[in-house]
Amino acid sequence: MSPIPGSGLAKGLAVTLKTMSRRSITRQYPEALPELPPRSRGVIALFEENCTVCMLCARECPDWCIYIDSHKEVVPAKEPGARDRTRNVLDRFAIDFSLCMYCGICVEVCPFDALFWSPEFEYAEFDIRDLTHEKERLREWMWTVPPPPPLDPRAEEPKELATARKAAARASAAREVPEAAGEAAAPSARRAGAPEAHRAGRPEPRR
């Protein structure tokens, strides 16, 4: 069956009229800021105090956009006769956001919670070379990181808590065993020494 001539035009006009009658939902940015989801992936923030310069984030980054420089520093021993130890001191931590594809691998693999997702997204620059942000700028974004969501009461217990609870139970049981052994040995020692004390108070028979 052939379509009625002009039916396509009538459908298009109907869609246009329907759209024109709707209320506009356009927000005038930047006067009206958008309401972002709580876990938006804006930029990556750095908590410098937690960074141990393990280089794991730079090695796992698929774009090689994380640049880290550090040096070793000698920490004097606190006790006499002990060895001095060395630690890594962070000199530079930069992320080239012109290369970053926001995969979040660096945030996931960081073992010391030094990297976080920030919902901040207003960091455009006129020159692409200025998109390499140093640790000072990454530290400023740290204060825009939202708090973590509350735990689900129906969720399973984290493995770390279960492991720590088992280790504490084993340590407590190990401490109780020597105490119980000492308490059990005390009555037997008293019983073993009782005949001697009894004989010591009794006069020896004459020969």
N, C-alpha and C. Protein backbone atom coordinates (compact mmCIF):
# COMPACT_ATOMS: atom_id res chain seq x y z
N MET A 1 0.85 -1.19 0.00
CA MET A 1 0.00 0.00 0.00
C MET A 1 0.89 1.24 0.00
N SER A 2 0.68 2.11 -0.95
CA SER A 2 1.51 3.30 -1.07
C SER A 2 1.09 4.32 -0.03
N PRO A 3 2.06 5.03 0.58
CA PRO A 3 1.71 6.02 1.59
C PRO A 3 0.96 7.19 0.99
N ILE A 4 0.17 7.82 1.79
CA ILE A 4 -0.60 8.97 1.35
C ILE A 4 0.36 10.13 1.07
N PRO A 5 0.24 10.78 -0.02
CA PRO A 5 1.15 11.90 -0.32
C PRO A 5 1.05 12.98 0.76
N GLY A 6 2.20 13.40 1.21
CA GLY A 6 2.25 14.46 2.22
C GLY A 6 2.16 13.97 3.65
N SER A 7 2.08 12.61 3.86
CA SER A 7 1.96 12.11 5.23
C SER A 7 3.27 12.32 6.01
N GLY A 8 4.42 12.19 5.33
CA GLY A 8 5.70 12.41 6.01
C GLY A 8 5.84 13.84 6.47
N LEU A 9 5.41 14.79 5.63
CA LEU A 9 5.47 16.19 6.00
C LEU A 9 4.56 16.48 7.20
N ALA A 10 3.39 15.83 7.20
CA ALA A 10 2.46 16.06 8.31
C ALA A 10 3.03 15.51 9.62
N LYS A 11 3.70 14.34 9.55
CA LYS A 11 4.31 13.79 10.77
C LYS A 11 5.44 14.69 11.28
N GLY A 12 6.24 15.21 10.37
CA GLY A 12 7.32 16.10 10.78
C GLY A 12 6.80 17.37 11.43
N LEU A 13 5.73 17.94 10.85
CA LEU A 13 5.15 19.14 11.45
C LEU A 13 4.54 18.84 12.82
N ALA A 14 3.99 17.63 12.97
CA ALA A 14 3.41 17.26 14.27
C ALA A 14 4.51 17.17 15.34
N VAL A 15 5.65 16.59 14.98
CA VAL A 15 6.75 16.51 15.93
C VAL A 15 7.26 17.91 16.29
N THR A 16 7.32 18.79 15.27
CA THR A 16 7.78 20.16 15.53
C THR A 16 6.84 20.89 16.47
N LEU A 17 5.53 20.78 16.22
CA LEU A 17 4.57 21.46 17.08
C LEU A 17 4.60 20.89 18.51
N LYS A 18 4.78 19.58 18.62
CA LYS A 18 4.84 18.96 19.94
C LYS A 18 6.06 19.43 20.72
N THR A 19 7.17 19.57 20.01
CA THR A 19 8.40 20.02 20.67
C THR A 19 8.30 21.50 21.05
N MET A 20 7.69 22.29 20.23
CA MET A 20 7.57 23.72 20.51
C MET A 20 6.70 23.99 21.72
N SER A 21 5.77 23.07 22.00
CA SER A 21 4.87 23.29 23.14
C SER A 21 5.49 22.84 24.47
N ARG A 22 6.64 22.16 24.44
CA ARG A 22 7.28 21.73 25.67
C ARG A 22 8.05 22.86 26.33
N ARG A 23 8.22 22.72 27.65
CA ARG A 23 8.98 23.71 28.40
C ARG A 23 10.46 23.46 28.20
N SER A 24 11.22 24.51 27.97
CA SER A 24 12.66 24.38 27.76
C SER A 24 13.36 24.01 29.07
N ILE A 25 14.28 23.07 28.99
CA ILE A 25 15.03 22.62 30.18
C ILE A 25 16.51 22.99 30.06
N THR A 26 16.83 23.88 29.14
CA THR A 26 18.22 24.30 28.96
C THR A 26 18.66 25.12 30.15
N ARG A 27 19.82 24.81 30.69
CA ARG A 27 20.38 25.56 31.80
C ARG A 27 21.47 26.50 31.26
N GLN A 28 21.39 27.72 31.70
CA GLN A 28 22.31 28.73 31.23
C GLN A 28 23.63 28.63 31.99
N TYR A 29 24.52 27.75 31.47
CA TYR A 29 25.84 27.61 32.06
C TYR A 29 26.72 28.76 31.57
N PRO A 30 27.54 29.38 32.38
CA PRO A 30 27.95 29.02 33.74
C PRO A 30 27.16 29.69 34.86
N GLU A 31 26.12 30.46 34.52
CA GLU A 31 25.33 31.07 35.59
C GLU A 31 24.65 30.00 36.43
N ALA A 32 24.14 28.96 35.81
CA ALA A 32 23.49 27.84 36.51
C ALA A 32 24.39 26.62 36.37
N LEU A 33 25.01 26.21 37.46
CA LEU A 33 25.92 25.07 37.43
C LEU A 33 25.13 23.77 37.37
N PRO A 34 25.64 22.77 36.66
CA PRO A 34 24.91 21.49 36.57
C PRO A 34 24.97 20.71 37.87
N GLU A 35 23.98 19.89 38.09
CA GLU A 35 23.95 19.00 39.26
C GLU A 35 24.59 17.68 38.86
N LEU A 36 25.82 17.48 39.27
CA LEU A 36 26.57 16.30 38.88
C LEU A 36 26.27 15.13 39.80
N PRO A 37 26.34 13.92 39.30
CA PRO A 37 26.21 12.74 40.17
C PRO A 37 27.32 12.72 41.21
N PRO A 38 27.10 12.07 42.35
CA PRO A 38 28.12 12.10 43.42
C PRO A 38 29.43 11.45 43.04
N ARG A 39 29.44 10.53 42.08
CA ARG A 39 30.68 9.85 41.70
C ARG A 39 31.10 10.21 40.28
N SER A 40 30.95 11.48 39.95
CA SER A 40 31.34 11.95 38.61
C SER A 40 32.85 11.87 38.45
N ARG A 41 33.29 11.59 37.25
CA ARG A 41 34.71 11.54 36.93
C ARG A 41 35.11 12.84 36.26
N GLY A 42 35.55 13.78 37.11
CA GLY A 42 35.99 15.06 36.57
C GLY A 42 37.49 15.05 36.38
N VAL A 43 38.23 15.33 37.43
CA VAL A 43 39.69 15.28 37.39
C VAL A 43 40.18 14.38 38.52
N ILE A 44 41.47 14.08 38.51
CA ILE A 44 42.08 13.22 39.51
C ILE A 44 42.81 14.11 40.52
N ALA A 45 42.44 13.97 41.78
CA ALA A 45 43.04 14.76 42.85
C ALA A 45 44.10 13.93 43.57
N LEU A 46 45.08 14.61 44.12
CA LEU A 46 46.21 13.96 44.79
C LEU A 46 46.25 14.37 46.25
N PHE A 47 46.30 13.36 47.14
CA PHE A 47 46.54 13.57 48.56
C PHE A 47 48.00 13.24 48.81
N GLU A 48 48.85 14.24 48.77
CA GLU A 48 50.30 14.05 48.73
C GLU A 48 50.83 13.31 49.94
N GLU A 49 50.22 13.50 51.11
CA GLU A 49 50.73 12.87 52.33
C GLU A 49 50.67 11.35 52.26
N ASN A 50 49.74 10.80 51.48
CA ASN A 50 49.61 9.35 51.39
C ASN A 50 50.48 8.72 50.30
N CYS A 51 51.08 9.52 49.46
CA CYS A 51 51.86 8.99 48.35
C CYS A 51 53.22 8.51 48.86
N THR A 52 53.57 7.28 48.54
CA THR A 52 54.87 6.69 48.92
C THR A 52 55.80 6.54 47.73
N VAL A 53 55.46 7.11 46.59
CA VAL A 53 56.25 7.05 45.36
C VAL A 53 56.52 5.60 44.98
N CYS A 54 55.49 4.78 45.04
CA CYS A 54 55.65 3.38 44.64
C CYS A 54 55.62 3.22 43.13
N MET A 55 55.21 4.27 42.40
CA MET A 55 55.20 4.29 40.93
C MET A 55 54.19 3.33 40.32
N LEU A 56 53.31 2.76 41.13
CA LEU A 56 52.35 1.80 40.59
C LEU A 56 51.36 2.47 39.65
N CYS A 57 50.92 3.68 39.97
CA CYS A 57 49.96 4.37 39.11
C CYS A 57 50.58 4.71 37.77
N ALA A 58 51.85 5.15 37.76
CA ALA A 58 52.51 5.50 36.50
C ALA A 58 52.75 4.26 35.64
N ARG A 59 53.06 3.13 36.28
CA ARG A 59 53.30 1.91 35.50
C ARG A 59 52.03 1.35 34.91
N GLU A 60 50.91 1.48 35.62
CA GLU A 60 49.66 0.90 35.14
C GLU A 60 48.89 1.83 34.20
N CYS A 61 49.28 3.09 34.11
CA CYS A 61 48.55 4.03 33.25
C CYS A 61 48.70 3.62 31.79
N PRO A 62 47.60 3.36 31.07
CA PRO A 62 47.72 2.93 29.67
C PRO A 62 48.13 4.06 28.73
N ASP A 63 47.97 5.32 29.16
CA ASP A 63 48.33 6.46 28.32
C ASP A 63 49.68 7.07 28.67
N TRP A 64 50.31 6.60 29.73
CA TRP A 64 51.60 7.14 30.17
C TRP A 64 51.51 8.65 30.34
N CYS A 65 50.50 9.09 31.06
CA CYS A 65 50.30 10.53 31.24
C CYS A 65 50.60 10.99 32.66
N ILE A 66 51.17 10.11 33.50
CA ILE A 66 51.53 10.46 34.87
C ILE A 66 53.04 10.55 34.96
N TYR A 67 53.52 11.68 35.46
CA TYR A 67 54.96 11.93 35.56
C TYR A 67 55.32 12.11 37.04
N ILE A 68 56.25 11.29 37.53
CA ILE A 68 56.63 11.31 38.94
C ILE A 68 58.14 11.41 39.04
N ASP A 69 58.60 12.33 39.88
CA ASP A 69 60.02 12.46 40.21
C ASP A 69 60.15 12.43 41.73
N SER A 70 61.24 11.81 42.22
CA SER A 70 61.44 11.72 43.66
C SER A 70 62.92 11.60 43.96
N HIS A 71 63.25 11.68 45.22
CA HIS A 71 64.62 11.45 45.68
C HIS A 71 64.57 10.74 47.02
N LYS A 72 65.68 10.11 47.37
CA LYS A 72 65.75 9.37 48.63
C LYS A 72 66.31 10.27 49.73
N GLU A 73 65.76 10.09 50.90
CA GLU A 73 66.15 10.88 52.05
C GLU A 73 66.45 9.95 53.22
N VAL A 74 67.54 10.21 53.92
CA VAL A 74 67.95 9.38 55.05
C VAL A 74 67.23 9.86 56.30
N VAL A 75 66.59 8.91 56.99
CA VAL A 75 65.91 9.20 58.24
C VAL A 75 66.77 8.66 59.37
N PRO A 76 67.28 9.53 60.25
CA PRO A 76 68.15 9.04 61.34
C PRO A 76 67.40 8.09 62.26
N ALA A 77 68.14 7.13 62.81
CA ALA A 77 67.55 6.16 63.73
C ALA A 77 67.16 6.85 65.03
N LYS A 78 66.05 6.44 65.60
CA LYS A 78 65.56 7.02 66.84
C LYS A 78 66.24 6.42 68.07
N GLU A 79 66.74 5.19 67.94
CA GLU A 79 67.38 4.52 69.07
C GLU A 79 68.87 4.35 68.80
N PRO A 80 69.70 4.43 69.80
CA PRO A 80 71.15 4.25 69.59
C PRO A 80 71.45 2.82 69.15
N GLY A 81 72.33 2.72 68.19
CA GLY A 81 72.71 1.42 67.68
C GLY A 81 71.84 0.90 66.55
N ALA A 82 70.71 1.57 66.29
CA ALA A 82 69.82 1.13 65.22
C ALA A 82 70.29 1.71 63.89
N ARG A 83 69.82 1.12 62.81
CA ARG A 83 70.22 1.56 61.48
C ARG A 83 69.37 2.74 61.03
N ASP A 84 70.01 3.63 60.26
CA ASP A 84 69.25 4.68 59.60
C ASP A 84 68.46 4.08 58.45
N ARG A 85 67.31 4.61 58.22
CA ARG A 85 66.50 4.11 57.11
C ARG A 85 66.30 5.21 56.07
N THR A 86 65.96 4.81 54.88
CA THR A 86 65.76 5.75 53.78
C THR A 86 64.30 5.73 53.37
N ARG A 87 63.82 6.85 52.88
CA ARG A 87 62.45 6.95 52.39
C ARG A 87 62.43 7.79 51.12
N ASN A 88 61.43 7.55 50.29
CA ASN A 88 61.27 8.31 49.05
C ASN A 88 60.49 9.59 49.33
N VAL A 89 60.99 10.68 48.83
CA VAL A 89 60.35 11.99 48.98
C VAL A 89 59.85 12.43 47.60
N LEU A 90 58.58 12.78 47.52
CA LEU A 90 57.96 13.15 46.25
C LEU A 90 58.40 14.56 45.85
N ASP A 91 58.99 14.68 44.67
CA ASP A 91 59.39 15.99 44.13
C ASP A 91 58.37 16.50 43.11
N ARG A 92 57.88 15.62 42.26
CA ARG A 92 56.94 16.04 41.22
C ARG A 92 55.91 14.96 40.99
N PHE A 93 54.67 15.37 40.88
CA PHE A 93 53.58 14.48 40.50
C PHE A 93 52.69 15.29 39.57
N ALA A 94 52.69 14.94 38.31
CA ALA A 94 51.93 15.69 37.31
C ALA A 94 51.12 14.73 36.47
N ILE A 95 49.98 15.21 35.99
CA ILE A 95 49.10 14.44 35.11
C ILE A 95 48.80 15.29 33.89
N ASP A 96 49.04 14.71 32.72
CA ASP A 96 48.73 15.39 31.46
C ASP A 96 47.30 15.04 31.07
N PHE A 97 46.39 15.96 31.33
CA PHE A 97 44.98 15.69 31.05
C PHE A 97 44.64 15.80 29.57
N SER A 98 45.59 16.21 28.75
CA SER A 98 45.35 16.15 27.31
C SER A 98 45.52 14.74 26.78
N LEU A 99 46.17 13.86 27.55
CA LEU A 99 46.33 12.46 27.18
C LEU A 99 45.43 11.54 27.99
N CYS A 100 45.05 11.97 29.20
CA CYS A 100 44.27 11.10 30.09
C CYS A 100 42.93 10.75 29.46
N MET A 101 42.56 9.49 29.54
CA MET A 101 41.27 9.05 29.02
C MET A 101 40.30 8.71 30.14
N TYR A 102 40.63 9.09 31.39
CA TYR A 102 39.72 8.98 32.54
C TYR A 102 39.25 7.55 32.75
N CYS A 103 40.17 6.62 32.62
CA CYS A 103 39.81 5.22 32.86
C CYS A 103 39.76 4.89 34.35
N GLY A 104 40.49 5.66 35.17
CA GLY A 104 40.46 5.44 36.62
C GLY A 104 41.33 4.31 37.11
N ILE A 105 42.21 3.77 36.26
CA ILE A 105 43.06 2.67 36.70
C ILE A 105 44.01 3.15 37.80
N CYS A 106 44.53 4.36 37.68
CA CYS A 106 45.47 4.86 38.69
C CYS A 106 44.79 5.00 40.05
N VAL A 107 43.54 5.39 40.04
CA VAL A 107 42.81 5.52 41.31
C VAL A 107 42.57 4.14 41.92
N GLU A 108 42.30 3.16 41.08
CA GLU A 108 41.99 1.83 41.58
C GLU A 108 43.23 1.11 42.12
N VAL A 109 44.36 1.27 41.46
CA VAL A 109 45.55 0.50 41.84
C VAL A 109 46.35 1.16 42.95
N CYS A 110 46.06 2.41 43.31
CA CYS A 110 46.84 3.07 44.35
C CYS A 110 46.62 2.35 45.67
N PRO A 111 47.67 1.78 46.28
CA PRO A 111 47.49 0.98 47.50
C PRO A 111 47.40 1.81 48.77
N PHE A 112 47.63 3.13 48.67
CA PHE A 112 47.67 3.96 49.87
C PHE A 112 46.66 5.10 49.83
N ASP A 113 45.67 5.02 48.95
CA ASP A 113 44.60 6.02 48.87
C ASP A 113 45.18 7.43 48.73
N ALA A 114 46.00 7.61 47.71
CA ALA A 114 46.56 8.93 47.44
C ALA A 114 45.88 9.61 46.26
N LEU A 115 45.13 8.88 45.46
CA LEU A 115 44.45 9.44 44.29
C LEU A 115 42.94 9.26 44.45
N PHE A 116 42.21 10.31 44.08
CA PHE A 116 40.75 10.30 44.22
C PHE A 116 40.13 10.98 43.01
N TRP A 117 38.87 10.61 42.74
CA TRP A 117 38.11 11.28 41.70
C TRP A 117 37.47 12.54 42.26
N SER A 118 37.63 13.63 41.57
CA SER A 118 36.98 14.88 41.92
C SER A 118 35.95 15.23 40.85
N PRO A 119 34.79 15.76 41.23
CA PRO A 119 33.80 16.15 40.23
C PRO A 119 34.15 17.46 39.51
N GLU A 120 35.27 18.06 39.84
CA GLU A 120 35.67 19.32 39.20
C GLU A 120 35.93 19.08 37.71
N PHE A 121 35.36 19.93 36.87
CA PHE A 121 35.53 19.76 35.43
C PHE A 121 35.91 21.07 34.74
N GLU A 122 35.99 22.14 35.46
CA GLU A 122 36.31 23.43 34.85
C GLU A 122 37.82 23.66 34.92
N TYR A 123 38.55 23.05 34.03
CA TYR A 123 40.00 23.21 34.01
C TYR A 123 40.51 23.39 32.57
N ALA A 124 39.68 23.96 31.71
CA ALA A 124 40.07 24.18 30.32
C ALA A 124 41.17 25.24 30.24
N GLU A 125 42.02 25.11 29.25
CA GLU A 125 43.12 26.03 29.04
C GLU A 125 43.14 26.45 27.57
N PHE A 126 43.75 27.60 27.30
CA PHE A 126 43.86 28.07 25.93
C PHE A 126 44.98 27.36 25.18
N ASP A 127 45.96 26.86 25.91
CA ASP A 127 47.08 26.14 25.30
C ASP A 127 47.06 24.70 25.79
N ILE A 128 47.18 23.75 24.88
CA ILE A 128 47.12 22.34 25.27
C ILE A 128 48.28 21.96 26.18
N ARG A 129 49.37 22.69 26.10
CA ARG A 129 50.52 22.38 26.94
C ARG A 129 50.26 22.74 28.40
N ASP A 130 49.27 23.58 28.64
CA ASP A 130 48.94 23.95 30.02
C ASP A 130 48.02 22.94 30.69
N LEU A 131 47.66 21.87 29.99
CA LEU A 131 46.81 20.85 30.59
C LEU A 131 47.59 19.84 31.42
N THR A 132 48.90 19.99 31.49
CA THR A 132 49.71 19.17 32.39
C THR A 132 49.74 19.86 33.74
N HIS A 133 48.98 19.35 34.68
CA HIS A 133 48.81 19.99 35.98
C HIS A 133 49.73 19.32 37.00
N GLU A 134 50.41 20.15 37.77
CA GLU A 134 51.37 19.68 38.76
C GLU A 134 50.66 19.34 40.07
N LYS A 135 51.45 18.86 41.04
CA LYS A 135 50.88 18.37 42.29
C LYS A 135 50.20 19.47 43.10
N GLU A 136 50.63 20.73 42.93
CA GLU A 136 49.98 21.80 43.66
C GLU A 136 48.53 21.97 43.20
N ARG A 137 48.30 21.89 41.90
CA ARG A 137 46.93 22.00 41.38
C ARG A 137 46.12 20.76 41.73
N LEU A 138 46.75 19.60 41.66
CA LEU A 138 46.05 18.37 42.02
C LEU A 138 45.68 18.37 43.50
N ARG A 139 46.50 19.00 44.33
CA ARG A 139 46.19 19.08 45.76
C ARG A 139 45.00 20.00 46.00
N GLU A 140 44.87 21.07 45.24
CA GLU A 140 43.73 21.96 45.38
C GLU A 140 42.42 21.23 45.06
N TRP A 141 42.45 20.34 44.10
CA TRP A 141 41.24 19.61 43.75
C TRP A 141 40.87 18.57 44.81
N MET A 142 41.80 18.26 45.69
CA MET A 142 41.52 17.27 46.72
C MET A 142 40.37 17.71 47.62
N TRP A 143 40.24 19.02 47.83
CA TRP A 143 39.20 19.51 48.74
C TRP A 143 37.83 19.55 48.08
N THR A 144 37.73 19.21 46.80
CA THR A 144 36.44 19.11 46.14
C THR A 144 35.95 17.66 46.06
N VAL A 145 36.74 16.73 46.58
CA VAL A 145 36.34 15.32 46.54
C VAL A 145 35.20 15.10 47.54
N PRO A 146 34.08 14.54 47.10
CA PRO A 146 32.96 14.32 48.03
C PRO A 146 33.28 13.18 48.99
N PRO A 147 32.62 13.14 50.14
CA PRO A 147 32.84 12.03 51.07
C PRO A 147 32.34 10.73 50.49
N PRO A 148 32.89 9.61 50.93
CA PRO A 148 32.45 8.31 50.38
C PRO A 148 31.00 8.03 50.75
N PRO A 149 30.30 7.29 49.92
CA PRO A 149 28.90 6.96 50.24
C PRO A 149 28.83 6.04 51.44
N PRO A 150 27.73 6.06 52.17
CA PRO A 150 27.60 5.17 53.34
C PRO A 150 27.56 3.71 52.90
N LEU A 151 28.00 2.86 53.80
CA LEU A 151 28.04 1.43 53.50
C LEU A 151 26.62 0.85 53.48
N ASP A 152 26.42 -0.10 52.60
CA ASP A 152 25.14 -0.79 52.52
C ASP A 152 25.05 -1.80 53.66
N PRO A 153 24.06 -1.70 54.54
CA PRO A 153 24.00 -2.66 55.66
C PRO A 153 23.78 -4.09 55.21
N ARG A 154 23.29 -4.29 53.98
CA ARG A 154 23.05 -5.64 53.48
C ARG A 154 24.26 -6.20 52.73
N ALA A 155 25.30 -5.39 52.59
CA ALA A 155 26.48 -5.86 51.85
C ALA A 155 27.31 -6.81 52.69
N GLU A 156 28.13 -7.60 52.02
CA GLU A 156 29.00 -8.53 52.71
C GLU A 156 30.12 -7.77 53.42
N GLU A 157 30.62 -8.36 54.47
CA GLU A 157 31.70 -7.75 55.22
C GLU A 157 32.97 -7.72 54.39
N PRO A 158 33.71 -6.62 54.39
CA PRO A 158 34.96 -6.57 53.63
C PRO A 158 35.94 -7.65 54.09
N LYS A 159 36.70 -8.19 53.15
CA LYS A 159 37.65 -9.24 53.48
C LYS A 159 38.73 -8.75 54.44
N GLU A 160 39.07 -7.46 54.35
CA GLU A 160 40.10 -6.93 55.24
C GLU A 160 39.66 -6.99 56.70
N LEU A 161 38.38 -6.67 56.96
CA LEU A 161 37.88 -6.72 58.34
C LEU A 161 37.85 -8.16 58.86
N ALA A 162 37.41 -9.09 58.01
CA ALA A 162 37.37 -10.49 58.44
C ALA A 162 38.78 -11.01 58.73
N THR A 163 39.75 -10.65 57.87
CA THR A 163 41.13 -11.09 58.09
C THR A 163 41.70 -10.49 59.38
N ALA A 164 41.41 -9.20 59.61
CA ALA A 164 41.92 -8.57 60.83
C ALA A 164 41.28 -9.18 62.07
N ARG A 165 40.00 -9.51 61.99
CA ARG A 165 39.33 -10.12 63.15
C ARG A 165 39.90 -11.50 63.45
N LYS A 166 40.19 -12.29 62.42
CA LYS A 166 40.78 -13.61 62.63
C LYS A 166 42.19 -13.50 63.21
N ALA A 167 42.96 -12.52 62.73
CA ALA A 167 44.32 -12.34 63.25
C ALA A 167 44.27 -11.92 64.72
N ALA A 168 43.32 -11.06 65.08
CA ALA A 168 43.20 -10.65 66.48
C ALA A 168 42.77 -11.82 67.36
N ALA A 169 41.88 -12.69 66.84
CA ALA A 169 41.47 -13.85 67.61
C ALA A 169 42.62 -14.82 67.82
N ARG A 170 43.44 -15.02 66.78
CA ARG A 170 44.60 -15.91 66.92
C ARG A 170 45.60 -15.35 67.92
N ALA A 171 45.84 -14.04 67.87
CA ALA A 171 46.77 -13.43 68.82
C ALA A 171 46.26 -13.54 70.24
N SER A 172 44.95 -13.34 70.43
CA SER A 172 44.38 -13.45 71.77
C SER A 172 44.47 -14.89 72.28
N ALA A 173 44.21 -15.87 71.39
CA ALA A 173 44.32 -17.26 71.80
C ALA A 173 45.76 -17.63 72.13
N ALA A 174 46.72 -17.08 71.38
CA ALA A 174 48.12 -17.37 71.66
C ALA A 174 48.56 -16.80 73.02
N ARG A 175 47.99 -15.68 73.41
CA ARG A 175 48.32 -15.11 74.72
C ARG A 175 47.67 -15.89 75.85
N GLU A 176 46.48 -16.45 75.59
CA GLU A 176 45.78 -17.17 76.64
C GLU A 176 46.41 -18.53 76.92
N VAL A 177 47.03 -19.16 75.92
CA VAL A 177 47.60 -20.50 76.11
C VAL A 177 48.74 -20.49 77.13
N PRO A 178 49.74 -19.57 77.04
CA PRO A 178 50.79 -19.58 78.08
C PRO A 178 50.25 -19.26 79.47
N GLU A 179 49.26 -18.38 79.57
CA GLU A 179 48.68 -18.06 80.87
C GLU A 179 48.00 -19.28 81.47
N ALA A 180 47.23 -20.01 80.63
CA ALA A 180 46.57 -21.21 81.13
C ALA A 180 47.58 -22.28 81.52
N ALA A 181 48.67 -22.38 80.75
CA ALA A 181 49.70 -23.37 81.08
C ALA A 181 50.38 -23.02 82.40
N GLY A 182 50.60 -21.71 82.65
CA GLY A 182 51.21 -21.32 83.91
C GLY A 182 50.30 -21.57 85.09
N GLU A 183 48.99 -21.30 84.91
CA GLU A 183 48.05 -21.57 85.99
C GLU A 183 47.94 -23.06 86.28
N ALA A 184 48.02 -23.92 85.24
CA ALA A 184 47.94 -25.36 85.45
C ALA A 184 49.20 -25.90 86.11
N ALA A 185 50.36 -25.28 85.84
CA ALA A 185 51.61 -25.76 86.42
C ALA A 185 51.74 -25.37 87.89
N ALA A 186 51.08 -24.30 88.32
CA ALA A 186 51.20 -23.84 89.70
C ALA A 186 50.65 -24.85 90.71
N PRO A 187 49.42 -25.41 90.55
CA PRO A 187 48.94 -26.41 91.51
C PRO A 187 49.78 -27.67 91.56
N SER A 188 50.29 -28.10 90.39
CA SER A 188 51.12 -29.31 90.39
C SER A 188 52.42 -29.07 91.15
N ALA A 189 52.96 -27.84 91.03
CA ALA A 189 54.18 -27.53 91.77
C ALA A 189 53.90 -27.50 93.26
N ARG A 190 52.75 -26.98 93.62
CA ARG A 190 52.40 -26.96 95.04
C ARG A 190 52.23 -28.37 95.58
N ARG A 191 51.59 -29.23 94.74
CA ARG A 191 51.40 -30.61 95.19
C ARG A 191 52.73 -31.33 95.29
N ALA A 192 53.64 -31.06 94.38
CA ALA A 192 54.94 -31.72 94.42
C ALA A 192 55.75 -31.26 95.61
N GLY A 193 55.60 -30.01 96.02
CA GLY A 193 56.37 -29.51 97.14
C GLY A 193 55.73 -29.78 98.48
N ALA A 194 54.50 -30.26 98.54
CA ALA A 194 53.81 -30.49 99.81
C ALA A 194 54.45 -31.60 100.62
N PRO A 195 54.81 -32.78 100.08
CA PRO A 195 55.45 -33.82 100.91
C PRO A 195 56.78 -33.36 101.48
N GLU A 196 57.52 -32.59 100.68
CA GLU A 196 58.80 -32.12 101.19
C GLU A 196 58.60 -31.18 102.36
N ALA A 197 57.61 -30.30 102.24
CA ALA A 197 57.34 -29.40 103.35
C ALA A 197 56.85 -30.17 104.57
N HIS A 198 56.07 -31.22 104.32
CA HIS A 198 55.57 -32.03 105.43
C HIS A 198 56.73 -32.76 106.14
N ARG A 199 57.66 -33.28 105.29
CA ARG A 199 58.80 -33.98 105.88
C ARG A 199 59.72 -33.02 106.59
N ALA A 200 59.80 -31.79 106.06
CA ALA A 200 60.69 -30.83 106.70
C ALA A 200 60.20 -30.47 108.09
N GLY A 201 58.91 -30.49 108.34
CA GLY A 201 58.39 -30.16 109.66
C GLY A 201 58.34 -31.36 110.60
N ARG A 202 58.63 -32.56 110.13
CA ARG A 202 58.56 -33.76 110.96
C ARG A 202 59.95 -34.19 111.36
N PRO A 203 60.21 -34.53 112.62
CA PRO A 203 61.56 -34.95 113.04
C PRO A 203 61.95 -36.27 112.40
N GLU A 204 63.20 -36.39 112.04
CA GLU A 204 63.69 -37.62 111.42
C GLU A 204 63.76 -38.73 112.47
N PRO A 205 63.50 -39.94 112.07
CA PRO A 205 63.54 -41.07 113.02
C PRO A 205 64.97 -41.34 113.47
N ARG A 206 65.09 -41.77 114.76
CA ARG A 206 66.42 -42.08 115.29
C ARG A 206 66.88 -43.44 114.79
N ARG A 207 68.18 -43.54 114.62
CA ARG A 207 68.76 -44.79 114.15
C ARG A 207 69.39 -45.52 115.29
